Protein backbone atom coordinates (compact mmCIF):
# COMPACT_ATOMS: atom_id res chain seq x y z
CA MET A 1 0.47 -40.18 -38.78
CA PRO A 2 -1.08 -38.23 -36.01
CA THR A 3 -0.29 -34.46 -35.65
CA ALA A 4 1.49 -33.07 -32.53
CA VAL A 5 -1.83 -31.68 -31.27
CA GLU A 6 -3.68 -35.06 -31.79
CA SER A 7 -1.01 -36.84 -29.92
CA LEU A 8 -1.36 -34.45 -27.02
CA GLU A 9 -5.19 -34.90 -27.16
CA SER A 10 -4.88 -38.62 -26.93
CA SER A 11 -2.41 -38.58 -23.94
CA GLN A 12 -3.41 -39.43 -20.46
CA PHE A 13 -3.42 -36.31 -18.06
CA ALA A 14 -2.51 -37.29 -14.53
CA PRO A 15 -5.73 -37.00 -12.47
CA ALA A 16 -3.57 -35.87 -9.40
CA VAL A 17 -2.11 -32.98 -11.29
CA ILE A 18 -5.59 -31.74 -12.31
CA ALA A 19 -6.84 -31.95 -8.69
CA TRP A 20 -3.55 -30.22 -7.49
CA ALA A 21 -3.96 -27.40 -9.94
CA ARG A 22 -7.45 -26.70 -8.79
CA THR A 23 -6.76 -26.67 -5.01
CA ASN A 24 -3.60 -24.86 -5.46
CA ALA A 25 -5.62 -22.01 -7.32
CA GLY A 26 -7.94 -21.93 -4.32
CA LEU A 27 -10.96 -23.03 -6.26
CA ASP A 28 -13.53 -25.62 -5.32
CA VAL A 29 -15.31 -27.99 -7.86
CA ASP A 30 -18.42 -25.78 -8.22
CA GLU A 31 -16.36 -22.59 -8.85
CA THR A 32 -14.33 -24.38 -11.41
CA VAL A 33 -17.39 -25.60 -13.22
CA GLU A 34 -18.88 -22.21 -13.17
CA LYS A 35 -15.69 -20.57 -14.63
CA PHE A 36 -15.43 -23.28 -17.22
CA GLY A 37 -18.89 -22.46 -18.35
CA THR A 38 -17.92 -18.93 -19.16
CA SER A 39 -16.46 -20.38 -22.43
CA SER A 40 -18.42 -21.96 -25.28
CA ARG A 41 -18.14 -25.37 -23.70
CA HIS A 42 -19.97 -26.24 -20.55
CA ILE A 43 -19.23 -29.23 -18.28
CA GLU A 44 -20.95 -30.93 -15.45
CA LYS A 45 -19.64 -31.33 -12.02
CA SER A 46 -19.57 -35.03 -12.46
CA LEU A 47 -17.15 -34.68 -15.40
CA LEU A 48 -14.61 -32.53 -13.58
CA LEU A 49 -14.65 -35.10 -10.62
CA ALA A 50 -14.25 -37.85 -13.26
CA TRP A 51 -11.15 -36.03 -14.67
CA GLU A 52 -9.64 -35.80 -11.05
CA SER A 53 -10.34 -39.45 -10.24
CA GLY A 54 -8.99 -40.67 -13.54
CA ALA A 55 -12.30 -42.32 -14.61
CA VAL A 56 -12.16 -40.02 -17.77
CA SER A 57 -9.31 -38.25 -19.39
CA PRO A 58 -9.84 -34.66 -20.49
CA SER A 59 -9.04 -33.55 -24.03
CA PHE A 60 -6.19 -31.11 -24.95
CA SER A 61 -8.70 -28.33 -25.33
CA ASP A 62 -10.16 -28.93 -21.92
CA VAL A 63 -6.83 -28.92 -20.25
CA LYS A 64 -5.96 -25.73 -22.01
CA ARG A 65 -9.20 -24.15 -20.56
CA LEU A 66 -8.25 -25.54 -17.03
CA SER A 67 -4.81 -23.90 -17.47
CA GLU A 68 -6.41 -20.65 -18.10
CA ILE A 69 -8.89 -20.87 -15.22
CA PHE A 70 -6.25 -21.95 -12.74
CA LYS A 71 -3.50 -19.39 -14.02
CA THR A 72 -1.20 -22.44 -14.24
CA PRO A 73 1.29 -23.11 -17.23
CA LEU A 74 -0.05 -25.56 -19.62
CA ALA A 75 3.16 -27.56 -19.28
CA VAL A 76 2.38 -28.36 -15.70
CA PHE A 77 -0.52 -30.60 -16.76
CA PHE A 78 1.94 -32.87 -18.79
CA LEU A 79 3.80 -33.84 -15.56
CA SER A 80 3.25 -37.26 -14.08
CA GLU A 81 2.65 -36.04 -10.51
CA PRO A 82 2.00 -32.66 -8.82
CA PRO A 83 4.98 -30.31 -8.77
CA SER A 84 6.65 -29.51 -5.33
CA THR A 85 5.45 -26.06 -4.12
CA ASP A 86 6.52 -23.70 -1.45
CA GLN A 87 4.74 -24.02 1.79
CA LYS A 88 2.17 -21.26 2.49
CA PRO A 89 2.93 -18.96 5.46
CA GLN A 90 1.49 -19.68 8.82
CA ASP A 91 -2.11 -18.56 9.13
CA TYR A 92 -2.18 -16.11 11.91
CA ARG A 93 -5.76 -14.87 11.18
CA THR A 94 -7.69 -14.67 14.34
CA LEU A 95 -10.75 -12.59 13.02
CA GLY A 96 -13.34 -14.66 11.19
CA SER A 97 -11.20 -17.74 11.17
CA LYS A 98 -14.18 -20.07 11.02
CA ASP A 99 -15.50 -18.37 7.95
CA HIS A 100 -12.23 -18.08 6.19
CA LYS A 101 -10.25 -21.24 6.60
CA GLY A 102 -9.30 -21.16 3.01
CA LEU A 103 -7.89 -18.43 0.76
CA SER A 104 -9.74 -17.21 -2.18
CA PHE A 105 -8.51 -17.71 -5.79
CA LYS A 106 -7.23 -14.10 -5.81
CA THR A 107 -5.22 -14.39 -2.70
CA ASN A 108 -3.68 -17.70 -3.89
CA LEU A 109 -2.88 -16.13 -7.33
CA MET A 110 -1.20 -13.16 -5.38
CA LEU A 111 0.83 -15.61 -3.37
CA ARG A 112 1.96 -17.49 -6.56
CA LYS A 113 2.98 -14.20 -8.18
CA ALA A 114 4.89 -13.27 -5.00
CA ARG A 115 6.77 -16.58 -5.16
CA LEU A 116 7.76 -16.02 -8.79
CA ALA A 117 8.86 -12.41 -7.89
CA GLN A 118 11.28 -14.06 -5.13
CA ASP A 119 12.61 -16.32 -7.84
CA HIS A 120 12.94 -13.66 -10.43
CA ALA A 121 14.65 -11.13 -7.94
CA LEU A 122 17.19 -13.70 -6.84
CA ALA A 123 18.17 -14.57 -10.40
CA LEU A 124 18.28 -10.97 -11.57
CA ALA A 125 20.35 -10.00 -8.49
CA GLN A 126 22.79 -12.82 -9.05
CA SER A 127 23.16 -12.01 -12.85
CA MET A 128 24.09 -8.44 -12.09
CA ASP A 129 26.11 -9.24 -8.99
CA VAL A 130 23.66 -7.18 -6.74
CA ASP A 131 23.47 -8.02 -3.00
CA ILE A 132 19.85 -8.48 -1.81
CA LYS A 133 20.60 -10.56 1.31
CA PHE A 134 18.77 -9.45 4.39
CA LYS A 135 20.89 -7.25 6.48
CA LEU A 136 19.40 -7.48 9.97
CA ARG A 137 19.82 -10.38 12.46
CA ARG A 138 17.05 -12.61 13.70
CA TYR A 139 15.08 -11.52 16.86
CA ALA A 140 13.01 -13.70 19.26
CA LEU A 141 9.76 -13.47 21.08
CA SER A 142 11.78 -13.04 24.32
CA ASP A 143 12.96 -9.64 23.15
CA ASN A 144 11.04 -6.62 24.16
CA PRO A 145 9.05 -5.43 21.33
CA THR A 146 8.90 -1.80 22.34
CA ALA A 147 12.65 -1.62 22.79
CA LEU A 148 13.11 -3.32 19.61
CA ALA A 149 10.99 -0.86 17.74
CA GLY A 150 13.19 1.97 18.91
CA GLN A 151 16.35 0.06 17.82
CA ILE A 152 14.82 -0.52 14.29
CA ARG A 153 13.84 3.11 13.99
CA GLN A 154 17.29 4.10 14.48
CA LYS A 155 18.63 1.39 12.02
CA LEU A 156 16.14 2.55 9.47
CA ASN A 157 16.96 6.18 10.09
CA PHE A 158 13.38 7.04 10.18
CA ALA A 159 12.91 10.13 12.30
CA ILE A 160 9.70 11.00 13.95
CA ALA A 161 9.65 14.50 12.45
CA GLU A 162 9.55 12.96 9.06
CA GLN A 163 6.53 10.97 9.98
CA LEU A 164 4.80 13.95 11.62
CA LYS A 165 5.61 16.42 8.79
CA ALA A 166 4.47 14.13 5.97
CA LYS A 167 1.66 15.53 4.03
CA LYS A 168 -0.19 12.20 3.40
CA PRO A 169 -0.05 8.67 4.66
CA THR A 170 1.20 7.41 1.33
CA ASN A 171 4.26 9.51 1.82
CA VAL A 172 5.06 7.71 5.06
CA PHE A 173 4.33 4.34 3.54
CA ASP A 174 6.52 5.12 0.58
CA SER A 175 9.39 6.25 2.93
CA LEU A 176 9.27 3.24 5.04
CA ARG A 177 8.87 0.81 2.15
CA ALA A 178 12.12 2.24 0.68
CA LYS A 179 13.95 1.96 4.01
CA ILE A 180 12.72 -1.60 4.56
CA GLU A 181 13.59 -2.66 1.04
CA SER A 182 17.13 -1.15 1.72
CA THR A 183 17.53 -4.06 4.23
CA GLY A 184 16.82 -6.61 1.61
CA VAL A 185 13.09 -7.19 1.90
CA LEU A 186 10.79 -6.84 -1.17
CA VAL A 187 7.55 -5.07 -0.43
CA GLN A 188 4.80 -5.59 -2.83
CA LYS A 189 1.02 -4.53 -3.11
CA SER A 190 -1.86 -6.15 -4.74
CA ALA A 191 -2.65 -4.21 -7.92
CA GLN A 192 -5.88 -1.95 -7.51
CA SER A 193 -7.42 -3.79 -10.40
CA ASN A 194 -7.09 -7.33 -8.73
CA ASN A 195 -7.03 -6.75 -4.96
CA PHE A 196 -7.39 -9.85 -2.89
CA PRO A 197 -10.32 -9.78 -0.35
CA LEU A 198 -9.66 -8.06 2.88
CA GLU A 199 -11.62 -10.91 4.47
CA ASP A 200 -8.73 -13.17 3.44
CA ALA A 201 -5.96 -11.00 4.84
CA ARG A 202 -4.71 -7.53 5.38
CA ALA A 203 -0.97 -8.45 4.87
CA ILE A 204 1.24 -11.37 4.28
CA SER A 205 4.94 -12.15 4.89
CA LEU A 206 7.14 -14.75 3.27
CA VAL A 207 10.48 -15.51 5.09
CA ASP A 208 11.20 -19.26 4.23
CA ARG A 209 13.86 -18.05 1.65
CA GLU A 210 15.51 -14.95 0.45
CA PRO A 211 14.73 -12.33 -0.67
CA TYR A 212 12.07 -12.08 2.06
CA LEU A 213 8.92 -10.48 0.86
CA ILE A 214 5.93 -8.60 2.38
CA ILE A 215 2.54 -8.27 0.63
CA ILE A 216 0.22 -5.46 1.52
CA ASN A 217 -3.41 -5.49 0.56
CA ASN A 218 -4.03 -2.45 -1.53
CA ALA A 219 -7.76 -2.72 -0.87
CA ASP A 220 -7.14 -1.50 2.78
CA ARG A 221 -7.03 2.23 3.69
CA ASP A 222 -3.80 4.08 3.41
CA HIS A 223 -3.38 4.56 7.31
CA ALA A 224 -3.89 0.85 7.82
CA GLN A 225 -1.44 -0.16 5.24
CA ILE A 226 1.36 1.58 7.30
CA PHE A 227 0.63 -0.33 10.32
CA SER A 228 0.47 -3.53 8.25
CA LEU A 229 3.82 -2.86 6.80
CA MET A 230 5.50 -2.66 10.22
CA HIS A 231 3.66 -5.47 11.55
CA GLU A 232 4.85 -7.71 8.78
CA PHE A 233 8.30 -6.37 9.09
CA SER A 234 8.20 -7.57 12.60
CA HIS A 235 7.27 -10.97 11.23
CA VAL A 236 10.35 -10.77 9.04
CA LEU A 237 12.63 -9.83 11.97
CA LEU A 238 11.35 -12.86 13.88
CA ARG A 239 11.65 -15.07 10.80
CA GLU A 240 8.06 -16.06 11.24
CA ALA A 241 6.02 -15.95 8.02
CA GLY A 242 2.42 -15.01 8.39
CA ILE A 243 -1.06 -14.37 6.88
CA CYS A 244 -2.58 -11.67 9.20
CA ASN A 245 -5.69 -10.00 9.61
CA ASP A 246 -5.98 -9.03 13.25
CA PHE A 247 -4.18 -5.93 14.45
CA GLU A 248 -6.17 -5.15 17.58
CA ASP A 249 -4.66 -7.85 19.87
CA TYR A 250 -2.05 -6.50 22.29
CA VAL A 251 -2.60 -8.86 25.24
CA ARG A 252 0.56 -10.32 26.48
CA ASN A 253 1.58 -13.73 27.79
CA ARG A 254 -1.10 -15.65 25.86
CA ALA A 255 -0.37 -19.48 25.76
CA ASN A 256 -1.48 -19.66 22.17
CA GLU A 257 1.55 -19.34 19.98
CA ILE A 258 -0.52 -17.43 17.20
CA ARG A 259 -1.59 -15.01 19.75
CA ARG A 260 1.85 -14.59 21.13
CA ILE A 261 3.33 -13.85 17.73
CA GLU A 262 0.60 -11.47 16.64
CA THR A 263 0.64 -9.57 19.88
CA PHE A 264 4.44 -9.17 19.62
CA CYS A 265 4.05 -7.82 16.05
CA ASN A 266 1.28 -5.52 16.99
CA GLU A 267 3.33 -4.04 19.85
CA PHE A 268 6.30 -3.62 17.65
CA ALA A 269 4.20 -1.79 14.99
CA ALA A 270 2.35 0.48 17.64
CA SER A 271 5.72 1.21 19.39
CA PHE A 272 7.47 2.01 16.12
CA LEU A 273 4.75 4.29 14.68
CA LEU A 274 3.47 5.72 17.98
CA PRO A 275 6.47 6.18 20.23
CA GLU A 276 5.36 6.60 23.84
CA ASP A 277 7.10 9.87 24.53
CA ASP A 278 6.00 11.50 21.15
CA PHE A 279 2.48 10.15 21.45
CA ARG A 280 1.98 11.29 25.00
CA SER A 281 3.17 14.76 24.21
CA HIS A 282 0.72 15.15 21.28
CA ALA A 283 -2.10 13.55 23.32
CA SER A 284 -1.52 15.95 26.26
CA THR A 285 -2.61 18.92 24.20
CA PHE A 286 -6.32 17.57 24.42
CA GLY A 287 -6.26 17.57 28.25
CA ASN A 288 -8.60 15.01 29.99
CA LEU A 289 -9.85 12.55 27.33
CA ASN A 290 -12.74 11.35 29.49
CA GLY A 291 -14.93 14.01 27.89
CA GLU A 292 -16.29 14.80 24.51
CA ASN A 293 -12.86 15.75 23.03
CA LEU A 294 -12.05 12.02 22.32
CA GLY A 295 -13.26 12.28 18.87
CA ASP A 296 -11.23 15.41 18.10
CA ALA A 297 -8.08 13.67 19.58
CA LEU A 298 -8.68 10.59 17.39
CA ASP A 299 -8.95 12.78 14.37
CA VAL A 300 -5.82 14.86 15.10
CA LEU A 301 -3.56 12.07 16.24
CA SER A 302 -4.55 9.71 13.44
CA SER A 303 -3.82 12.60 10.91
CA ASP A 304 -0.38 13.51 12.74
CA PHE A 305 1.02 10.04 13.06
CA LYS A 306 -0.56 8.69 9.89
CA VAL A 307 -2.17 5.65 11.43
CA SER A 308 -5.73 4.48 11.78
CA LYS A 309 -8.06 5.72 14.53
CA SER A 310 -8.28 2.27 15.94
CA ALA A 311 -4.44 2.12 16.39
CA VAL A 312 -4.64 5.63 18.17
CA LEU A 313 -7.45 4.36 20.38
CA ARG A 314 -5.58 1.31 21.45
CA ARG A 315 -2.56 3.48 22.26
CA LEU A 316 -4.56 5.69 24.40
CA LEU A 317 -5.79 2.69 26.26
CA THR A 318 -2.35 1.14 26.62
CA PHE A 319 -1.08 4.48 28.30
CA ARG A 320 -4.21 4.69 30.45
CA LEU A 321 -5.26 7.99 28.77
CA ILE A 322 -8.70 6.80 28.45
CA ALA A 323 -10.76 4.15 30.34
CA LYS A 324 -11.41 0.67 29.06
CA SER A 325 -15.21 1.44 29.11
CA GLN A 326 -14.45 4.36 26.55
CA TYR A 327 -12.27 2.08 24.42
CA ASP A 328 -15.02 -0.75 24.34
CA GLU A 329 -17.81 1.94 23.59
CA GLN A 330 -15.92 3.29 20.67
CA MET A 331 -14.87 -0.03 19.22
CA ALA A 332 -18.41 -1.14 19.40
CA GLU A 333 -19.60 2.00 17.55
CA TRP A 334 -17.13 1.40 14.76
CA GLU A 335 -17.87 -2.40 14.60
CA SER A 336 -21.58 -1.65 14.35
CA GLY A 337 -21.00 -0.09 10.93
CA ASN A 338 -20.59 3.66 11.97
CA LYS A 339 -16.98 3.78 11.21
CA LYS A 340 -16.09 5.05 7.74
CA ASN A 341 -15.72 2.58 4.98
CA LEU A 342 -12.40 0.59 5.44
CA LYS A 343 -11.82 0.27 1.78
CA LYS A 344 -10.01 2.80 -0.09
CA LYS A 345 -11.17 4.48 -3.23
CA GLY A 346 -9.41 3.69 -6.51
CA GLY A 347 -7.61 6.55 -8.38
CA ARG A 348 -6.79 7.33 -11.78
CA ASN A 349 -4.59 4.63 -13.26
CA ASN A 350 -1.09 5.38 -14.48
CA PRO A 351 0.39 2.12 -15.64
CA ALA A 352 4.00 2.91 -14.98
CA LYS A 353 3.32 4.28 -11.47
CA THR A 354 0.95 1.27 -10.89
CA ALA A 355 3.74 -1.11 -11.78
CA VAL A 356 6.14 0.47 -9.25
CA ALA A 357 3.50 0.59 -6.56
CA ALA A 358 2.58 -3.09 -7.09
CA ASN A 359 6.10 -4.48 -7.52
CA GLY A 360 8.01 -2.16 -5.32
CA PRO A 361 11.06 0.04 -6.27
CA THR A 362 13.71 -2.78 -5.70
CA PHE A 363 11.93 -5.50 -7.89
CA THR A 364 11.00 -2.96 -10.49
CA GLY A 365 14.53 -1.47 -10.60
CA LEU A 366 16.17 -4.91 -10.74
CA THR A 367 13.94 -5.90 -13.75
CA VAL A 368 14.48 -2.70 -15.75
CA ARG A 369 18.25 -2.71 -15.17
CA ALA A 370 18.53 -6.27 -16.30
CA TYR A 371 16.68 -5.38 -19.44
CA GLN A 372 18.93 -2.41 -20.03
CA GLN A 373 21.93 -4.65 -19.64
CA GLN A 374 20.36 -7.18 -22.24
CA LYS A 375 20.01 -9.89 -19.54
CA ILE A 376 16.21 -10.23 -20.08
CA SER A 377 13.91 -9.58 -22.94
CA PHE A 378 11.34 -6.81 -23.43
CA ALA A 379 8.64 -9.37 -23.09
CA SER A 380 10.19 -10.56 -19.76
CA VAL A 381 9.89 -7.08 -18.34
CA SER A 382 6.25 -7.14 -19.21
CA ASP A 383 5.73 -10.52 -17.77
CA TYR A 384 7.78 -9.92 -14.52
CA LEU A 385 6.10 -6.61 -13.83
CA GLY A 386 2.60 -7.18 -15.14
CA ILE A 387 2.84 -4.18 -17.41
CA LYS A 388 2.03 -3.83 -21.20
CA THR A 389 5.10 -3.45 -23.43
CA LYS A 390 3.82 -0.15 -24.64
CA TYR A 391 4.23 1.46 -21.22
CA ILE A 392 7.80 0.08 -20.46
CA ASN A 393 9.44 3.27 -21.90
CA ALA A 394 7.25 5.31 -19.67
CA LEU A 395 8.34 3.12 -16.77
CA GLU A 396 12.10 3.65 -17.60
CA ASN A 397 11.59 7.41 -17.69
CA LEU A 398 9.77 7.33 -14.31
CA LEU A 399 12.69 5.39 -12.63
CA ARG A 400 15.13 7.76 -13.98
CA ARG A 401 13.30 10.69 -12.19
CA THR A 402 13.10 8.88 -8.97
């Protein structure tokens, strides 16, 4: 009588499921073959294609290896057809679109983790009778993004003084993240150890089901992450999910729908973080910016408002405080490689703090409280938050102090 494993090995795995698992992971055939070859067994491209066409059935051990490569549960491969999955957000990338039509394996993995976080957060909230429903109404492209930014600043109770007095950009990000999460949105970051490529996206928003979720690319500079956060929050307010990488376009009345939405979100973020009256007041201290003091103004205004120099430069142009030729010249200088490295440097790792930074205070707090109320296991906390079990006590202590 065959053993359970022998029975599994002799079963026919659905070719469509194998092909789906690969494409869902964001890997092409060559990449899969290369990753497969890092184990003791090597396969040819023709064999993988045969598995996906049904000409040859893989062994159980081969499917286990595919499960590891695609970061997909082994049970999925025993389905008769591919599982239904959430739609990916609308691709609003307008920089490098021809080179980046698809998303990398790391970005697809981050999206899948975010979808799981949505599922877990909803289940945990319901089990503890916690309301995480989004508290703000839906807005439209016909609304004025500048006026809306002012209204949302008031609703979030985010005073300009708090922004200007903050010591570091991370302080502003953390404050805004907490205020946005208080509206019912989860804000997550890619973990420093497995950031997805900036070439893929700077930020992503998911609004097809609640709780809504924003993903920030932690490979980006701290100043840029703040703008990304408010840009994606605008997507949430519009209920228009997006994968975004272009925060430079502010040209109104474009016929292209992608441009219209991205322009609206850029204007909202700029108006929220750089309100006209406060910005003009600070910029006026530098006098006429048509001279050599533009560099000093960019340094100081970027530091004061905790946004990138490119966001400041764009605002100076919007309010006609610099000429278009100055804007173009400075942008060309940055794009030629003279701008400082966009990627932030990694810091010393603290597993508990890293878990909160990656998962966000709301999801982290829901998970730990559910464990404390014995609704989920110790292992589930580790699985949900991506933290080793030996650091969970430290995580609990950290949350008590905050």
